[in-house]
Amino acid sequence: MPSVRVNDVQLAYEEAGAGRPVLLVHGFPLDHSMWAPVAAALASNCRLIMPDLRGYGGSTLRDADADDGVPMTQYAD
């Protein structure tokens, strides 16, 4: 699964299709795989980007050396 580093977290994501990008964000406490049926139906019409939000699926919660929690403002950002 591909991933990208954003500040203090490694975010995993899946992509499918081509064309106009559409971001599919999963709900709590799931991961990108919840979008599999939708991706199968839409991938022929657009480029789907399905991230695992921090702490879910293949994404890390924070750097391993951080011992504090993650503030809600970071989730929102």
PDB file of N, CA and C in Angstrom:
ATOM      1  N   MET A   1       0.853  -1.164   0.000  1.00  0.00           N
ATOM      2  CA  MET A   1       0.000   0.000   0.000  1.00  0.00           C
ATOM      3  C   MET A   1       0.906   1.235   0.000  1.00  0.00           C
ATOM      4  N   PRO A   2       0.677   2.173  -0.903  1.00  0.00           N
ATOM      5  CA  PRO A   2       1.492   3.393  -0.914  1.00  0.00           C
ATOM      6  C   PRO A   2       1.194   4.251   0.306  1.00  0.00           C
ATOM      7  N   SER A   3       2.152   5.106   0.658  1.00  0.00           N
ATOM      8  CA  SER A   3       1.944   6.028   1.771  1.00  0.00           C
ATOM      9  C   SER A   3       2.730   7.305   1.519  1.00  0.00           C
ATOM     10  N   VAL A   4       2.381   8.330   2.272  1.00  0.00           N
ATOM     11  CA  VAL A   4       3.036   9.627   2.173  1.00  0.00           C
ATOM     12  C   VAL A   4       3.245  10.158   3.590  1.00  0.00           C
ATOM     13  N   ARG A   5       4.379  10.807   3.807  1.00  0.00           N
ATOM     14  CA  ARG A   5       4.671  11.391   5.126  1.00  0.00           C
ATOM     15  C   ARG A   5       4.057  12.781   5.195  1.00  0.00           C
ATOM     16  N   VAL A   6       3.244  13.034   6.225  1.00  0.00           N
ATOM     17  CA  VAL A   6       2.639  14.344   6.460  1.00  0.00           C
ATOM     18  C   VAL A   6       2.932  14.724   7.901  1.00  0.00           C
ATOM     19  N   ASN A   7       3.808  15.696   8.091  1.00  0.00           N
ATOM     20  CA  ASN A   7       4.240  16.126   9.421  1.00  0.00           C
ATOM     21  C   ASN A   7       4.741  14.936  10.220  1.00  0.00           C
ATOM     22  N   ASP A   8       4.033  14.521  11.262  1.00  0.00           N
ATOM     23  CA  ASP A   8       4.517  13.464  12.151  1.00  0.00           C
ATOM     24  C   ASP A   8       3.844  12.115  11.935  1.00  0.00           C
ATOM     25  N   VAL A   9       3.233  11.928  10.780  1.00  0.00           N
ATOM     26  CA  VAL A   9       2.493  10.684  10.558  1.00  0.00           C
ATOM     27  C   VAL A   9       2.717  10.176   9.138  1.00  0.00           C
ATOM     28  N   GLN A  10       2.738   8.849   8.998  1.00  0.00           N
ATOM     29  CA  GLN A  10       2.824   8.210   7.690  1.00  0.00           C
ATOM     30  C   GLN A  10       1.413   7.807   7.298  1.00  0.00           C
ATOM     31  N   LEU A  11       0.857   8.435   6.256  1.00  0.00           N
ATOM     32  CA  LEU A  11      -0.511   8.164   5.831  1.00  0.00           C
ATOM     33  C   LEU A  11      -0.527   7.194   4.650  1.00  0.00           C
ATOM     34  N   ALA A  12      -1.192   6.067   4.838  1.00  0.00           N
ATOM     35  CA  ALA A  12      -1.363   5.083   3.781  1.00  0.00           C
ATOM     36  C   ALA A  12      -2.613   5.438   2.980  1.00  0.00           C
ATOM     37  N   TYR A  13      -2.629   5.061   1.716  1.00  0.00           N
ATOM     38  CA  TYR A  13      -3.783   5.345   0.872  1.00  0.00           C
ATOM     39  C   TYR A  13      -3.852   4.356  -0.287  1.00  0.00           C
ATOM     40  N   GLU A  14      -5.016   4.265  -0.873  1.00  0.00           N
ATOM     41  CA  GLU A  14      -5.224   3.489  -2.094  1.00  0.00           C
ATOM     42  C   GLU A  14      -5.767   4.439  -3.144  1.00  0.00           C
ATOM     43  N   GLU A  15      -5.448   4.176  -4.385  1.00  0.00           N
ATOM     44  CA  GLU A  15      -5.984   4.939  -5.511  1.00  0.00           C
ATOM     45  C   GLU A  15      -6.598   3.973  -6.511  1.00  0.00           C
ATOM     46  N   ALA A  16      -7.600   4.455  -7.207  1.00  0.00           N
ATOM     47  CA  ALA A  16      -8.223   3.653  -8.258  1.00  0.00           C
ATOM     48  C   ALA A  16      -8.784   4.592  -9.312  1.00  0.00           C
ATOM     49  N   GLY A  17      -8.783   4.162 -10.558  1.00  0.00           N
ATOM     50  CA  GLY A  17      -9.383   4.930 -11.631  1.00  0.00           C
ATOM     51  C   GLY A  17      -8.512   6.060 -12.140  1.00  0.00           C
ATOM     52  N   ALA A  18      -9.109   6.885 -12.994  1.00  0.00           N
ATOM     53  CA  ALA A  18      -8.411   8.026 -13.596  1.00  0.00           C
ATOM     54  C   ALA A  18      -9.441   9.109 -13.889  1.00  0.00           C
ATOM     55  N   GLY A  19      -8.949  10.332 -13.990  1.00  0.00           N
ATOM     56  CA  GLY A  19      -9.832  11.453 -14.278  1.00  0.00           C
ATOM     57  C   GLY A  19      -9.937  12.398 -13.108  1.00  0.00           C
ATOM     58  N   ARG A  20     -11.084  13.024 -12.968  1.00  0.00           N
ATOM     59  CA  ARG A  20     -11.313  13.991 -11.887  1.00  0.00           C
ATOM     60  C   ARG A  20     -11.146  13.299 -10.537  1.00  0.00           C
ATOM     61  N   PRO A  21     -10.311  13.870  -9.639  1.00  0.00           N
ATOM     62  CA  PRO A  21     -10.085  13.222  -8.343  1.00  0.00           C
ATOM     63  C   PRO A  21     -11.268  13.361  -7.391  1.00  0.00           C
ATOM     64  N   VAL A  22     -11.529  12.298  -6.667  1.00  0.00           N
ATOM     65  CA  VAL A  22     -12.561  12.273  -5.632  1.00  0.00           C
ATOM     66  C   VAL A  22     -11.924  11.651  -4.389  1.00  0.00           C
ATOM     67  N   LEU A  23     -11.985  12.365  -3.265  1.00  0.00           N
ATOM     68  CA  LEU A  23     -11.429  11.889  -2.010  1.00  0.00           C
ATOM     69  C   LEU A  23     -12.527  11.205  -1.205  1.00  0.00           C
ATOM     70  N   LEU A  24     -12.296   9.949  -0.846  1.00  0.00           N
ATOM     71  CA  LEU A  24     -13.250   9.190  -0.039  1.00  0.00           C
ATOM     72  C   LEU A  24     -12.646   9.003   1.349  1.00  0.00           C
ATOM     73  N   VAL A  25     -13.264   9.598   2.374  1.00  0.00           N
ATOM     74  CA  VAL A  25     -12.750   9.562   3.742  1.00  0.00           C
ATOM     75  C   VAL A  25     -13.611   8.608   4.573  1.00  0.00           C
ATOM     76  N   HIS A  26     -12.956   7.644   5.177  1.00  0.00           N
ATOM     77  CA  HIS A  26     -13.678   6.640   5.970  1.00  0.00           C
ATOM     78  C   HIS A  26     -14.138   7.202   7.309  1.00  0.00           C
ATOM     79  N   GLY A  27     -15.113   6.524   7.898  1.00  0.00           N
ATOM     80  CA  GLY A  27     -15.623   6.896   9.214  1.00  0.00           C
ATOM     81  C   GLY A  27     -14.913   6.130  10.323  1.00  0.00           C
ATOM     82  N   PHE A  28     -15.210   6.496  11.545  1.00  0.00           N
ATOM     83  CA  PHE A  28     -14.670   5.837  12.731  1.00  0.00           C
ATOM     84  C   PHE A  28     -15.411   4.531  12.953  1.00  0.00           C
ATOM     85  N   PRO A  29     -14.757   3.482  13.275  1.00  0.00           N
ATOM     86  CA  PRO A  29     -13.349   3.152  13.418  1.00  0.00           C
ATOM     87  C   PRO A  29     -12.873   2.289  12.252  1.00  0.00           C
ATOM     88  N   LEU A  30     -13.194   2.657  11.046  1.00  0.00           N
ATOM     89  CA  LEU A  30     -12.908   1.853   9.859  1.00  0.00           C
ATOM     90  C   LEU A  30     -11.616   2.294   9.185  1.00  0.00           C
ATOM     91  N   ASP A  31     -11.362   1.774   7.976  1.00  0.00           N
ATOM     92  CA  ASP A  31     -10.230   2.203   7.162  1.00  0.00           C
ATOM     93  C   ASP A  31     -10.695   2.304   5.711  1.00  0.00           C
ATOM     94  N   HIS A  32      -9.759   2.530   4.805  1.00  0.00           N
ATOM     95  CA  HIS A  32     -10.109   2.766   3.394  1.00  0.00           C
ATOM     96  C   HIS A  32     -10.905   1.617   2.774  1.00  0.00           C
ATOM     97  N   SER A  33     -10.771   0.424   3.309  1.00  0.00           N
ATOM     98  CA  SER A  33     -11.417  -0.739   2.685  1.00  0.00           C
ATOM     99  C   SER A  33     -12.942  -0.654   2.708  1.00  0.00           C
ATOM    100  N   MET A  34     -13.506   0.209   3.552  1.00  0.00           N
ATOM    101  CA  MET A  34     -14.971   0.348   3.564  1.00  0.00           C
ATOM    102  C   MET A  34     -15.491   0.843   2.216  1.00  0.00           C
ATOM    103  N   TRP A  35     -14.601   1.471   1.427  1.00  0.00           N
ATOM    104  CA  TRP A  35     -15.002   2.041   0.139  1.00  0.00           C
ATOM    105  C   TRP A  35     -14.900   1.053  -1.029  1.00  0.00           C
ATOM    106  N   ALA A  36     -14.514  -0.179  -0.796  1.00  0.00           N
ATOM    107  CA  ALA A  36     -14.318  -1.141  -1.888  1.00  0.00           C
ATOM    108  C   ALA A  36     -15.522  -1.252  -2.824  1.00  0.00           C
ATOM    109  N   PRO A  37     -16.749  -1.398  -2.340  1.00  0.00           N
ATOM    110  CA  PRO A  37     -17.888  -1.496  -3.266  1.00  0.00           C
ATOM    111  C   PRO A  37     -18.102  -0.203  -4.071  1.00  0.00           C
ATOM    112  N   VAL A  38     -17.893   0.925  -3.429  1.00  0.00           N
ATOM    113  CA  VAL A  38     -18.041   2.217  -4.113  1.00  0.00           C
ATOM    114  C   VAL A  38     -16.951   2.374  -5.163  1.00  0.00           C
ATOM    115  N   ALA A  39     -15.719   2.011  -4.803  1.00  0.00           N
ATOM    116  CA  ALA A  39     -14.593   2.120  -5.734  1.00  0.00           C
ATOM    117  C   ALA A  39     -14.832   1.275  -6.972  1.00  0.00           C
ATOM    118  N   ALA A  40     -15.362   0.088  -6.790  1.00  0.00           N
ATOM    119  CA  ALA A  40     -15.636  -0.785  -7.937  1.00  0.00           C
ATOM    120  C   ALA A  40     -16.634  -0.135  -8.894  1.00  0.00           C
ATOM    121  N   ALA A  41     -17.581   0.595  -8.352  1.00  0.00           N
ATOM    122  CA  ALA A  41     -18.610   1.230  -9.188  1.00  0.00           C
ATOM    123  C   ALA A  41     -18.142   2.538  -9.821  1.00  0.00           C
ATOM    124  N   LEU A  42     -17.254   3.289  -9.145  1.00  0.00           N
ATOM    125  CA  LEU A  42     -16.892   4.631  -9.618  1.00  0.00           C
ATOM    126  C   LEU A  42     -15.562   4.740 -10.334  1.00  0.00           C
ATOM    127  N   ALA A  43     -14.690   3.763 -10.209  1.00  0.00           N
ATOM    128  CA  ALA A  43     -13.329   3.876 -10.744  1.00  0.00           C
ATOM    129  C   ALA A  43     -13.287   4.091 -12.251  1.00  0.00           C
ATOM    130  N   SER A  44     -14.308   3.702 -12.964  1.00  0.00           N
ATOM    131  CA  SER A  44     -14.306   3.908 -14.411  1.00  0.00           C
ATOM    132  C   SER A  44     -14.652   5.353 -14.781  1.00  0.00           C
ATOM    133  N   ASN A  45     -15.093   6.156 -13.809  1.00  0.00           N
ATOM    134  CA  ASN A  45     -15.513   7.526 -14.086  1.00  0.00           C
ATOM    135  C   ASN A  45     -14.627   8.601 -13.476  1.00  0.00           C
ATOM    136  N   CYS A  46     -13.794   8.244 -12.488  1.00  0.00           N
ATOM    137  CA  CYS A  46     -12.993   9.262 -11.799  1.00  0.00           C
ATOM    138  C   CYS A  46     -11.804   8.604 -11.102  1.00  0.00           C
ATOM    139  N   ARG A  47     -10.906   9.447 -10.619  1.00  0.00           N
ATOM    140  CA  ARG A  47      -9.755   8.982  -9.844  1.00  0.00           C
ATOM    141  C   ARG A  47     -10.137   9.020  -8.375  1.00  0.00           C
ATOM    142  N   LEU A  48     -10.134   7.880  -7.724  1.00  0.00           N
ATOM    143  CA  LEU A  48     -10.510   7.785  -6.318  1.00  0.00           C
ATOM    144  C   LEU A  48      -9.262   7.746  -5.451  1.00  0.00           C
ATOM    145  N   ILE A  49      -9.251   8.555  -4.408  1.00  0.00           N
ATOM    146  CA  ILE A  49      -8.174   8.572  -3.435  1.00  0.00           C
ATOM    147  C   ILE A  49      -8.801   8.203  -2.096  1.00  0.00           C
ATOM    148  N   MET A  50      -8.329   7.101  -1.507  1.00  0.00           N
ATOM    149  CA  MET A  50      -8.935   6.564  -0.285  1.00  0.00           C
ATOM    150  C   MET A  50      -7.865   6.410   0.788  1.00  0.00           C
ATOM    151  N   PRO A  51      -7.693   7.427   1.637  1.00  0.00           N
ATOM    152  CA  PRO A  51      -6.657   7.352   2.669  1.00  0.00           C
ATOM    153  C   PRO A  51      -7.117   6.564   3.891  1.00  0.00           C
ATOM    154  N   ASP A  52      -6.128   6.061   4.625  1.00  0.00           N
ATOM    155  CA  ASP A  52      -6.371   5.570   5.980  1.00  0.00           C
ATOM    156  C   ASP A  52      -6.021   6.741   6.889  1.00  0.00           C
ATOM    157  N   LEU A  53      -6.972   7.253   7.635  1.00  0.00           N
ATOM    158  CA  LEU A  53      -6.704   8.366   8.527  1.00  0.00           C
ATOM    159  C   LEU A  53      -5.733   7.940   9.619  1.00  0.00           C
ATOM    160  N   ARG A  54      -5.070   8.902  10.234  1.00  0.00           N
ATOM    161  CA  ARG A  54      -4.021   8.588  11.204  1.00  0.00           C
ATOM    162  C   ARG A  54      -4.530   7.665  12.306  1.00  0.00           C
ATOM    163  N   GLY A  55      -3.744   6.596  12.527  1.00  0.00           N
ATOM    164  CA  GLY A  55      -4.093   5.609  13.544  1.00  0.00           C
ATOM    165  C   GLY A  55      -4.991   4.489  13.057  1.00  0.00           C
ATOM    166  N   TYR A  56      -5.381   4.497  11.791  1.00  0.00           N
ATOM    167  CA  TYR A  56      -6.271   3.464  11.247  1.00  0.00           C
ATOM    168  C   TYR A  56      -5.622   2.802  10.046  1.00  0.00           C
ATOM    169  N   GLY A  57      -5.971   1.535   9.807  1.00  0.00           N
ATOM    170  CA  GLY A  57      -5.447   0.813   8.656  1.00  0.00           C
ATOM    171  C   GLY A  57      -3.931   0.833   8.644  1.00  0.00           C
ATOM    172  N   GLY A  58      -3.356   1.257   7.518  1.00  0.00           N
ATOM    173  CA  GLY A  58      -1.910   1.282   7.365  1.00  0.00           C
ATOM    174  C   GLY A  58      -1.254   2.582   7.787  1.00  0.00           C
ATOM    175  N   SER A  59      -1.990   3.522   8.357  1.00  0.00           N
ATOM    176  CA  SER A  59      -1.424   4.811   8.771  1.00  0.00           C
ATOM    177  C   SER A  59      -1.009   4.788  10.234  1.00  0.00           C
ATOM    178  N   THR A  60       0.092   5.499  10.519  1.00  0.00           N
ATOM    179  CA  THR A  60       0.548   5.575  11.899  1.00  0.00           C
ATOM    180  C   THR A  60      -0.238   6.639  12.656  1.00  0.00           C
ATOM    181  N   LEU A  61      -0.276   6.508  13.971  1.00  0.00           N
ATOM    182  CA  LEU A  61      -0.953   7.499  14.806  1.00  0.00           C
ATOM    183  C   LEU A  61      -0.079   8.733  14.988  1.00  0.00           C
ATOM    184  N   ARG A  62       1.201   8.510  15.243  1.00  0.00           N
ATOM    185  CA  ARG A  62       2.168   9.603  15.444  1.00  0.00           C
ATOM    186  C   ARG A  62       3.557   8.991  15.397  1.00  0.00           C
ATOM    187  N   ASP A  63       4.585   9.855  15.469  1.00  0.00           N
ATOM    188  CA  ASP A  63       5.959   9.358  15.530  1.00  0.00           C
ATOM    189  C   ASP A  63       6.121   8.425  16.715  1.00  0.00           C
ATOM    190  N   ALA A  64       6.938   7.425  16.568  1.00  0.00           N
ATOM    191  CA  ALA A  64       7.146   6.441  17.631  1.00  0.00           C
ATOM    192  C   ALA A  64       7.714   7.073  18.893  1.00  0.00           C
ATOM    193  N   ASP A  65       8.458   8.175  18.759  1.00  0.00           N
ATOM    194  CA  ASP A  65       9.064   8.779  19.944  1.00  0.00           C
ATOM    195  C   ASP A  65       8.150   9.782  20.644  1.00  0.00           C
ATOM    196  N   ALA A  66       6.960  10.024  20.110  1.00  0.00           N
ATOM    197  CA  ALA A  66       6.017  10.940  20.764  1.00  0.00           C
ATOM    198  C   ALA A  66       5.278  10.184  21.857  1.00  0.00           C
ATOM    199  N   ASP A  67       5.255  10.744  23.062  1.00  0.00           N
ATOM    200  CA  ASP A  67       4.597  10.047  24.163  1.00  0.00           C
ATOM    201  C   ASP A  67       3.292  10.701  24.590  1.00  0.00           C
ATOM    202  N   ASP A  68       2.901  11.750  23.900  1.00  0.00           N
ATOM    203  CA  ASP A  68       1.636  12.411  24.236  1.00  0.00           C
ATOM    204  C   ASP A  68       0.552  12.001  23.252  1.00  0.00           C
ATOM    205  N   GLY A  69      -0.669  12.362  23.534  1.00  0.00           N
ATOM    206  CA  GLY A  69      -1.778  12.052  22.643  1.00  0.00           C
ATOM    207  C   GLY A  69      -1.771  12.943  21.414  1.00  0.00           C
ATOM    208  N   VAL A  70      -2.745  12.759  20.581  1.00  0.00           N
ATOM    209  CA  VAL A  70      -2.889  13.572  19.368  1.00  0.00           C
ATOM    210  C   VAL A  70      -4.027  14.534  19.583  1.00  0.00           C
ATOM    211  N   PRO A  71      -3.760  15.856  19.560  1.00  0.00           N
ATOM    212  CA  PRO A  71      -4.829  16.831  19.769  1.00  0.00           C
ATOM    213  C   PRO A  71      -5.853  16.803  18.627  1.00  0.00           C
ATOM    214  N   MET A  72      -7.082  17.085  18.949  1.00  0.00           N
ATOM    215  CA  MET A  72      -8.145  17.106  17.948  1.00  0.00           C
ATOM    216  C   MET A  72      -7.832  18.091  16.825  1.00  0.00           C
ATOM    217  N   THR A  73      -7.125  19.172  17.131  1.00  0.00           N
ATOM    218  CA  THR A  73      -6.781  20.151  16.085  1.00  0.00           C
ATOM    219  C   THR A  73      -5.898  19.522  15.015  1.00  0.00           C
ATOM    220  N   GLN A  74      -5.025  18.570  15.391  1.00  0.00           N
ATOM    221  CA  GLN A  74      -4.214  17.900  14.386  1.00  0.00           C
ATOM    222  C   GLN A  74      -5.074  16.997  13.515  1.00  0.00           C
ATOM    223  N   TYR A  75      -6.039  16.312  14.095  1.00  0.00           N
ATOM    224  CA  TYR A  75      -6.953  15.506  13.284  1.00  0.00           C
ATOM    225  C   TYR A  75      -7.677  16.395  12.287  1.00  0.00           C
ATOM    226  N   ALA A  76      -8.136  17.537  12.748  1.00  0.00           N
ATOM    227  CA  ALA A  76      -8.887  18.450  11.888  1.00  0.00           C
ATOM    228  C   ALA A  76      -8.029  19.014  10.778  1.00  0.00           C
ATOM    229  N   ASP A  77      -6.766  19.337  11.102  1.00  0.00           N
ATOM    230  CA  ASP A  77      -5.869  19.857  10.072  1.00  0.00           C
ATOM    231  C   ASP A  77      -5.635  18.823   9.011  1.00  0.00           C
TER     232      ASP A  77
END
